[in-house]
Amino acid sequence: MPKMKTNRAAAKRFKFTASGKVKRSSGFANHILTKKAMKRKRKLRKGGYVAEADLKEIRNLLPNGN
């Protein structure tokens, strides 16, 4: 059986924590920023964690825990 390949797009977007949670960054923060409020842009700087419902799919994309 061949090796499992890591999805490179997912590897750039998600990181695993030591406890097994998956960290992610916020979207909608790269361009067309003039119409977004400062408060909204400040909140977009912060990341978050992937929801429990989506963890299985992320783990399939990142089989080696990258």
PDB file of N, CA and C in Angstrom:
ATOM      1  N   MET A   1       0.845  -1.183   0.000  1.00  0.00           N
ATOM      2  CA  MET A   1       0.000   0.000   0.000  1.00  0.00           C
ATOM      3  C   MET A   1       0.886   1.241   0.000  1.00  0.00           C
ATOM      4  N   PRO A   2       0.590   2.230  -0.846  1.00  0.00           N
ATOM      5  CA  PRO A   2       1.441   3.421  -0.901  1.00  0.00           C
ATOM      6  C   PRO A   2       1.269   4.309   0.327  1.00  0.00           C
ATOM      7  N   LYS A   3       2.216   5.207   0.491  1.00  0.00           N
ATOM      8  CA  LYS A   3       2.153   6.147   1.608  1.00  0.00           C
ATOM      9  C   LYS A   3       0.962   7.076   1.445  1.00  0.00           C
ATOM     10  N   MET A   4       0.448   7.545   2.580  1.00  0.00           N
ATOM     11  CA  MET A   4      -0.610   8.551   2.547  1.00  0.00           C
ATOM     12  C   MET A   4       0.028   9.899   2.272  1.00  0.00           C
ATOM     13  N   LYS A   5      -0.523  10.662   1.350  1.00  0.00           N
ATOM     14  CA  LYS A   5       0.022  11.972   1.048  1.00  0.00           C
ATOM     15  C   LYS A   5      -0.697  13.033   1.865  1.00  0.00           C
ATOM     16  N   THR A   6       0.071  14.009   2.331  1.00  0.00           N
ATOM     17  CA  THR A   6      -0.490  15.142   3.044  1.00  0.00           C
ATOM     18  C   THR A   6      -1.068  16.126   2.041  1.00  0.00           C
ATOM     19  N   ASN A   7      -2.247  16.629   2.310  1.00  0.00           N
ATOM     20  CA  ASN A   7      -2.827  17.680   1.488  1.00  0.00           C
ATOM     21  C   ASN A   7      -2.091  18.974   1.796  1.00  0.00           C
ATOM     22  N   ARG A   8      -1.340  19.506   0.841  1.00  0.00           N
ATOM     23  CA  ARG A   8      -0.459  20.644   1.098  1.00  0.00           C
ATOM     24  C   ARG A   8      -1.242  21.922   1.398  1.00  0.00           C
ATOM     25  N   ALA A   9      -2.405  22.083   0.797  1.00  0.00           N
ATOM     26  CA  ALA A   9      -3.219  23.264   1.082  1.00  0.00           C
ATOM     27  C   ALA A   9      -3.657  23.260   2.540  1.00  0.00           C
ATOM     28  N   ALA A  10      -4.040  22.094   3.043  1.00  0.00           N
ATOM     29  CA  ALA A  10      -4.467  21.975   4.436  1.00  0.00           C
ATOM     30  C   ALA A  10      -3.287  22.151   5.383  1.00  0.00           C
ATOM     31  N   ALA A  11      -2.109  21.669   4.989  1.00  0.00           N
ATOM     32  CA  ALA A  11      -0.926  21.771   5.845  1.00  0.00           C
ATOM     33  C   ALA A  11      -0.538  23.226   6.079  1.00  0.00           C
ATOM     34  N   LYS A  12      -0.823  24.090   5.101  1.00  0.00           N
ATOM     35  CA  LYS A  12      -0.493  25.514   5.242  1.00  0.00           C
ATOM     36  C   LYS A  12      -1.523  26.250   6.101  1.00  0.00           C
ATOM     37  N   ARG A  13      -2.709  25.668   6.255  1.00  0.00           N
ATOM     38  CA  ARG A  13      -3.796  26.364   6.954  1.00  0.00           C
ATOM     39  C   ARG A  13      -4.019  25.894   8.391  1.00  0.00           C
ATOM     40  N   PHE A  14      -3.638  24.659   8.700  1.00  0.00           N
ATOM     41  CA  PHE A  14      -3.937  24.092  10.009  1.00  0.00           C
ATOM     42  C   PHE A  14      -2.679  23.593  10.697  1.00  0.00           C
ATOM     43  N   LYS A  15      -2.655  23.725  12.042  1.00  0.00           N
ATOM     44  CA  LYS A  15      -1.554  23.189  12.845  1.00  0.00           C
ATOM     45  C   LYS A  15      -2.160  22.432  14.017  1.00  0.00           C
ATOM     46  N   PHE A  16      -1.533  21.322  14.370  1.00  0.00           N
ATOM     47  CA  PHE A  16      -1.991  20.550  15.518  1.00  0.00           C
ATOM     48  C   PHE A  16      -1.336  21.065  16.788  1.00  0.00           C
ATOM     49  N   THR A  17      -2.101  21.106  17.887  1.00  0.00           N
ATOM     50  CA  THR A  17      -1.540  21.445  19.190  1.00  0.00           C
ATOM     51  C   THR A  17      -1.077  20.150  19.845  1.00  0.00           C
ATOM     52  N   ALA A  18      -0.357  20.280  20.949  1.00  0.00           N
ATOM     53  CA  ALA A  18       0.147  19.101  21.656  1.00  0.00           C
ATOM     54  C   ALA A  18      -0.993  18.235  22.183  1.00  0.00           C
ATOM     55  N   SER A  19      -2.126  18.865  22.506  1.00  0.00           N
ATOM     56  CA  SER A  19      -3.256  18.111  23.054  1.00  0.00           C
ATOM     57  C   SER A  19      -4.127  17.486  21.966  1.00  0.00           C
ATOM     58  N   GLY A  20      -3.803  17.761  20.685  1.00  0.00           N
ATOM     59  CA  GLY A  20      -4.546  17.150  19.598  1.00  0.00           C
ATOM     60  C   GLY A  20      -5.601  18.032  18.970  1.00  0.00           C
ATOM     61  N   LYS A  21      -5.778  19.254  19.492  1.00  0.00           N
ATOM     62  CA  LYS A  21      -6.711  20.178  18.862  1.00  0.00           C
ATOM     63  C   LYS A  21      -6.076  20.701  17.574  1.00  0.00           C
ATOM     64  N   VAL A  22      -6.894  21.308  16.724  1.00  0.00           N
ATOM     65  CA  VAL A  22      -6.389  21.842  15.463  1.00  0.00           C
ATOM     66  C   VAL A  22      -6.590  23.348  15.450  1.00  0.00           C
ATOM     67  N   LYS A  23      -5.487  24.096  15.310  1.00  0.00           N
ATOM     68  CA  LYS A  23      -5.549  25.548  15.254  1.00  0.00           C
ATOM     69  C   LYS A  23      -5.795  25.995  13.822  1.00  0.00           C
ATOM     70  N   ARG A  24      -6.466  27.127  13.682  1.00  0.00           N
ATOM     71  CA  ARG A  24      -6.715  27.699  12.366  1.00  0.00           C
ATOM     72  C   ARG A  24      -6.646  29.214  12.471  1.00  0.00           C
ATOM     73  N   SER A  25      -6.451  29.876  11.338  1.00  0.00           N
ATOM     74  CA  SER A  25      -6.478  31.331  11.328  1.00  0.00           C
ATOM     75  C   SER A  25      -7.810  31.785  10.741  1.00  0.00           C
ATOM     76  N   SER A  26      -8.151  33.039  10.971  1.00  0.00           N
ATOM     77  CA  SER A  26      -9.413  33.575  10.465  1.00  0.00           C
ATOM     78  C   SER A  26      -9.295  33.896   8.987  1.00  0.00           C
ATOM     79  N   GLY A  27     -10.385  33.758   8.277  1.00  0.00           N
ATOM     80  CA  GLY A  27     -10.441  34.150   6.880  1.00  0.00           C
ATOM     81  C   GLY A  27     -10.913  35.582   6.747  1.00  0.00           C
ATOM     82  N   PHE A  28     -11.067  36.036   5.528  1.00  0.00           N
ATOM     83  CA  PHE A  28     -11.619  37.357   5.209  1.00  0.00           C
ATOM     84  C   PHE A  28     -10.747  38.506   5.704  1.00  0.00           C
ATOM     85  N   ALA A  29      -9.439  38.306   5.818  1.00  0.00           N
ATOM     86  CA  ALA A  29      -8.577  39.363   6.368  1.00  0.00           C
ATOM     87  C   ALA A  29      -7.478  39.793   5.411  1.00  0.00           C
ATOM     88  N   ASN A  30      -7.549  39.399   4.144  1.00  0.00           N
ATOM     89  CA  ASN A  30      -6.439  39.668   3.239  1.00  0.00           C
ATOM     90  C   ASN A  30      -6.621  40.872   2.322  1.00  0.00           C
ATOM     91  N   HIS A  31      -7.800  41.067   1.786  1.00  0.00           N
ATOM     92  CA  HIS A  31      -7.976  42.184   0.859  1.00  0.00           C
ATOM     93  C   HIS A  31      -9.393  42.714   0.976  1.00  0.00           C
ATOM     94  N   ILE A  32      -9.656  43.818   0.284  1.00  0.00           N
ATOM     95  CA  ILE A  32     -10.920  44.565   0.408  1.00  0.00           C
ATOM     96  C   ILE A  32     -11.137  44.921   1.883  1.00  0.00           C
ATOM     97  N   LEU A  33     -10.127  45.522   2.487  1.00  0.00           N
ATOM     98  CA  LEU A  33     -10.180  45.826   3.917  1.00  0.00           C
ATOM     99  C   LEU A  33     -10.764  47.209   4.206  1.00  0.00           C
ATOM    100  N   THR A  34     -10.895  48.051   3.175  1.00  0.00           N
ATOM    101  CA  THR A  34     -11.333  49.427   3.422  1.00  0.00           C
ATOM    102  C   THR A  34     -12.761  49.491   3.949  1.00  0.00           C
ATOM    103  N   LYS A  35     -13.608  48.561   3.518  1.00  0.00           N
ATOM    104  CA  LYS A  35     -15.007  48.620   3.967  1.00  0.00           C
ATOM    105  C   LYS A  35     -15.251  47.860   5.264  1.00  0.00           C
ATOM    106  N   LYS A  36     -14.217  47.247   5.803  1.00  0.00           N
ATOM    107  CA  LYS A  36     -14.371  46.506   7.055  1.00  0.00           C
ATOM    108  C   LYS A  36     -13.970  47.394   8.227  1.00  0.00           C
ATOM    109  N   ALA A  37     -14.737  47.322   9.295  1.00  0.00           N
ATOM    110  CA  ALA A  37     -14.487  48.158  10.471  1.00  0.00           C
ATOM    111  C   ALA A  37     -13.190  47.732  11.167  1.00  0.00           C
ATOM    112  N   MET A  38     -12.538  48.679  11.841  1.00  0.00           N
ATOM    113  CA  MET A  38     -11.294  48.388  12.559  1.00  0.00           C
ATOM    114  C   MET A  38     -11.520  47.281  13.584  1.00  0.00           C
ATOM    115  N   LYS A  39     -12.667  47.334  14.276  1.00  0.00           N
ATOM    116  CA  LYS A  39     -12.968  46.324  15.290  1.00  0.00           C
ATOM    117  C   LYS A  39     -13.027  44.934  14.660  1.00  0.00           C
ATOM    118  N   ARG A  40     -13.633  44.859  13.487  1.00  0.00           N
ATOM    119  CA  ARG A  40     -13.746  43.575  12.793  1.00  0.00           C
ATOM    120  C   ARG A  40     -12.379  43.073  12.352  1.00  0.00           C
ATOM    121  N   LYS A  41     -11.543  43.978  11.838  1.00  0.00           N
ATOM    122  CA  LYS A  41     -10.210  43.584  11.375  1.00  0.00           C
ATOM    123  C   LYS A  41      -9.336  43.142  12.538  1.00  0.00           C
ATOM    124  N   ARG A  42      -9.497  43.777  13.682  1.00  0.00           N
ATOM    125  CA  ARG A  42      -8.750  43.390  14.882  1.00  0.00           C
ATOM    126  C   ARG A  42      -9.128  41.977  15.313  1.00  0.00           C
ATOM    127  N   LYS A  43     -10.415  41.691  15.271  1.00  0.00           N
ATOM    128  CA  LYS A  43     -10.872  40.354  15.670  1.00  0.00           C
ATOM    129  C   LYS A  43     -10.424  39.283  14.676  1.00  0.00           C
ATOM    130  N   LEU A  44     -10.259  39.664  13.418  1.00  0.00           N
ATOM    131  CA  LEU A  44      -9.830  38.706  12.399  1.00  0.00           C
ATOM    132  C   LEU A  44      -8.367  38.308  12.552  1.00  0.00           C
ATOM    133  N   ARG A  45      -7.579  39.097  13.289  1.00  0.00           N
ATOM    134  CA  ARG A  45      -6.173  38.747  13.520  1.00  0.00           C
ATOM    135  C   ARG A  45      -6.053  37.494  14.372  1.00  0.00           C
ATOM    136  N   LYS A  46      -7.022  37.305  15.252  1.00  0.00           N
ATOM    137  CA  LYS A  46      -6.972  36.159  16.142  1.00  0.00           C
ATOM    138  C   LYS A  46      -7.384  34.898  15.407  1.00  0.00           C
ATOM    139  N   GLY A  47      -6.796  33.814  15.780  1.00  0.00           N
ATOM    140  CA  GLY A  47      -7.168  32.533  15.198  1.00  0.00           C
ATOM    141  C   GLY A  47      -8.236  31.877  16.033  1.00  0.00           C
ATOM    142  N   GLY A  48      -8.326  30.588  15.907  1.00  0.00           N
ATOM    143  CA  GLY A  48      -9.296  29.833  16.681  1.00  0.00           C
ATOM    144  C   GLY A  48      -8.990  28.357  16.542  1.00  0.00           C
ATOM    145  N   TYR A  49      -9.920  27.549  16.947  1.00  0.00           N
ATOM    146  CA  TYR A  49      -9.770  26.106  16.839  1.00  0.00           C
ATOM    147  C   TYR A  49     -10.836  25.565  15.902  1.00  0.00           C
ATOM    148  N   VAL A  50     -10.511  24.513  15.206  1.00  0.00           N
ATOM    149  CA  VAL A  50     -11.459  23.863  14.306  1.00  0.00           C
ATOM    150  C   VAL A  50     -12.536  23.187  15.148  1.00  0.00           C
ATOM    151  N   ALA A  51     -13.770  23.265  14.705  1.00  0.00           N
ATOM    152  CA  ALA A  51     -14.889  22.682  15.438  1.00  0.00           C
ATOM    153  C   ALA A  51     -14.776  21.159  15.469  1.00  0.00           C
ATOM    154  N   GLU A  52     -15.317  20.576  16.519  1.00  0.00           N
ATOM    155  CA  GLU A  52     -15.282  19.121  16.694  1.00  0.00           C
ATOM    156  C   GLU A  52     -15.884  18.401  15.486  1.00  0.00           C
ATOM    157  N   ALA A  53     -16.935  18.981  14.901  1.00  0.00           N
ATOM    158  CA  ALA A  53     -17.618  18.342  13.773  1.00  0.00           C
ATOM    159  C   ALA A  53     -16.718  18.232  12.546  1.00  0.00           C
ATOM    160  N   ASP A  54     -15.715  19.092  12.421  1.00  0.00           N
ATOM    161  CA  ASP A  54     -14.853  19.108  11.242  1.00  0.00           C
ATOM    162  C   ASP A  54     -13.512  18.414  11.462  1.00  0.00           C
ATOM    163  N   LEU A  55     -13.228  17.981  12.685  1.00  0.00           N
ATOM    164  CA  LEU A  55     -11.918  17.410  12.994  1.00  0.00           C
ATOM    165  C   LEU A  55     -11.596  16.163  12.175  1.00  0.00           C
ATOM    166  N   LYS A  56     -12.572  15.296  11.974  1.00  0.00           N
ATOM    167  CA  LYS A  56     -12.320  14.045  11.258  1.00  0.00           C
ATOM    168  C   LYS A  56     -11.835  14.325   9.840  1.00  0.00           C
ATOM    169  N   GLU A  57     -12.452  15.297   9.189  1.00  0.00           N
ATOM    170  CA  GLU A  57     -12.069  15.636   7.821  1.00  0.00           C
ATOM    171  C   GLU A  57     -10.658  16.220   7.766  1.00  0.00           C
ATOM    172  N   ILE A  58     -10.315  17.074   8.731  1.00  0.00           N
ATOM    173  CA  ILE A  58      -8.981  17.678   8.771  1.00  0.00           C
ATOM    174  C   ILE A  58      -7.933  16.602   9.020  1.00  0.00           C
ATOM    175  N   ARG A  59      -8.223  15.673   9.897  1.00  0.00           N
ATOM    176  CA  ARG A  59      -7.258  14.591  10.185  1.00  0.00           C
ATOM    177  C   ARG A  59      -7.035  13.712   8.955  1.00  0.00           C
ATOM    178  N   ASN A  60      -8.057  13.555   8.105  1.00  0.00           N
ATOM    179  CA  ASN A  60      -7.876  12.801   6.876  1.00  0.00           C
ATOM    180  C   ASN A  60      -6.968  13.531   5.890  1.00  0.00           C
ATOM    181  N   LEU A  61      -7.033  14.855   5.891  1.00  0.00           N
ATOM    182  CA  LEU A  61      -6.187  15.641   4.995  1.00  0.00           C
ATOM    183  C   LEU A  61      -4.737  15.687   5.480  1.00  0.00           C
ATOM    184  N   LEU A  62      -4.546  15.547   6.798  1.00  0.00           N
ATOM    185  CA  LEU A  62      -3.215  15.622   7.390  1.00  0.00           C
ATOM    186  C   LEU A  62      -2.901  14.319   8.122  1.00  0.00           C
ATOM    187  N   PRO A  63      -2.635  13.242   7.403  1.00  0.00           N
ATOM    188  CA  PRO A  63      -2.469  11.945   8.044  1.00  0.00           C
ATOM    189  C   PRO A  63      -1.225  11.853   8.940  1.00  0.00           C
ATOM    190  N   ASN A  64      -0.201  12.644   8.654  1.00  0.00           N
ATOM    191  CA  ASN A  64       1.034  12.552   9.421  1.00  0.00           C
ATOM    192  C   ASN A  64       1.115  13.588  10.538  1.00  0.00           C
ATOM    193  N   GLY A  65       0.031  14.309  10.766  1.00  0.00           N
ATOM    194  CA  GLY A  65       0.022  15.304  11.836  1.00  0.00           C
ATOM    195  C   GLY A  65       0.876  16.508  11.552  1.00  0.00           C
ATOM    196  N   ASN A  66       0.976  16.903  10.287  1.00  0.00           N
ATOM    197  CA  ASN A  66       1.790  18.067   9.928  1.00  0.00           C
ATOM    198  C   ASN A  66       1.094  19.356  10.296  1.00  0.00           C
TER     199      ASN A  66
END
